[in-house]
Protein backbone atom coordinates (compact mmCIF):
# COMPACT_ATOMS: atom_id res chain seq x y z
CA MET A 1 81.76 56.32 -138.61
CA ASP A 2 81.22 59.98 -138.09
CA SER A 3 78.10 61.57 -136.65
CA GLN A 4 76.61 62.48 -140.02
CA THR A 5 76.65 58.86 -141.19
CA THR A 6 75.25 57.70 -137.87
CA PHE A 7 72.34 60.14 -138.03
CA ALA A 8 71.64 59.03 -141.60
CA LEU A 9 71.57 55.39 -140.46
CA LEU A 10 69.24 56.29 -137.60
CA ALA A 11 66.86 58.08 -139.96
CA ALA A 12 66.96 55.23 -142.48
CA GLY A 13 66.31 52.62 -139.80
CA LEU A 14 63.38 54.53 -138.37
CA ALA A 15 61.93 55.16 -141.84
CA LEU A 16 62.22 51.46 -142.70
CA ALA A 17 60.59 50.38 -139.45
CA ILE A 18 57.71 52.85 -139.84
CA ALA A 19 57.12 52.00 -143.50
CA ALA A 20 57.20 48.29 -142.76
CA SER A 21 54.76 48.60 -139.88
CA LEU A 22 52.38 50.51 -142.17
CA GLY A 23 52.78 47.74 -144.74
CA ASP A 24 52.04 45.13 -142.09
CA ARG A 25 48.89 46.99 -141.11
CA ALA A 26 47.82 47.08 -144.77
CA ARG A 27 48.52 43.35 -145.02
CA ARG A 28 46.15 42.68 -142.14
CA ARG A 29 43.40 44.72 -143.82
CA ALA A 30 43.75 42.97 -147.21
CA PRO A 31 45.29 39.52 -146.69
CA LEU A 32 45.02 38.55 -150.37
CA ALA A 33 46.58 41.70 -151.86
CA TRP A 34 49.96 41.79 -153.60
CA HIS A 35 51.70 43.27 -150.54
CA ALA A 36 50.44 40.53 -148.23
CA HIS A 37 53.27 38.24 -149.33
CA LEU A 38 56.11 40.60 -148.48
CA PRO A 39 58.13 39.86 -145.31
CA TRP A 40 56.98 42.87 -143.26
CA ASN A 41 58.08 41.43 -139.91
CA ALA A 42 61.63 40.98 -141.19
CA ALA A 43 61.68 44.55 -142.48
CA ILE A 44 60.41 45.87 -139.14
CA PHE A 45 63.12 43.90 -137.31
CA THR A 46 65.83 45.09 -139.69
CA GLY A 47 64.79 48.73 -139.35
CA ALA A 48 64.61 48.50 -135.57
CA ALA A 49 68.02 46.81 -135.40
CA ILE A 50 69.62 49.49 -137.59
CA ALA A 51 68.02 52.24 -135.49
CA LEU A 52 69.21 50.59 -132.26
CA VAL A 53 72.80 50.26 -133.47
CA ALA A 54 72.80 53.87 -134.65
CA ALA A 55 71.34 55.09 -131.34
CA VAL A 56 73.99 53.25 -129.36
CA HIS A 57 76.67 54.68 -131.63
CA ILE A 58 75.30 58.20 -131.08
CA VAL A 59 75.51 57.64 -127.32
CA THR A 60 79.15 56.58 -127.61
CA LEU A 61 79.91 59.60 -129.80
CA ILE A 62 78.33 61.87 -127.19
CA ARG A 63 80.38 60.24 -124.42
CA GLN A 64 83.57 60.77 -126.42
CA GLY A 65 82.67 64.37 -127.04
CA SER A 66 82.62 64.02 -130.82
CA ILE A 67 79.18 65.55 -131.14
């Protein structure tokens, strides 16, 4: 992967984690709403995992001098 793809993955992972945490907060406010049944914790975990992998890849690209 090049740096552009890695930065896109980092942005997507962070956006997913932030959106999912906002959805989880809304679920706690209205536990019987339509969005209460969506797997917000899984989405937060997925977004955080994608962001972590992208951040580690950015560090390796920096160490190699590719960025």
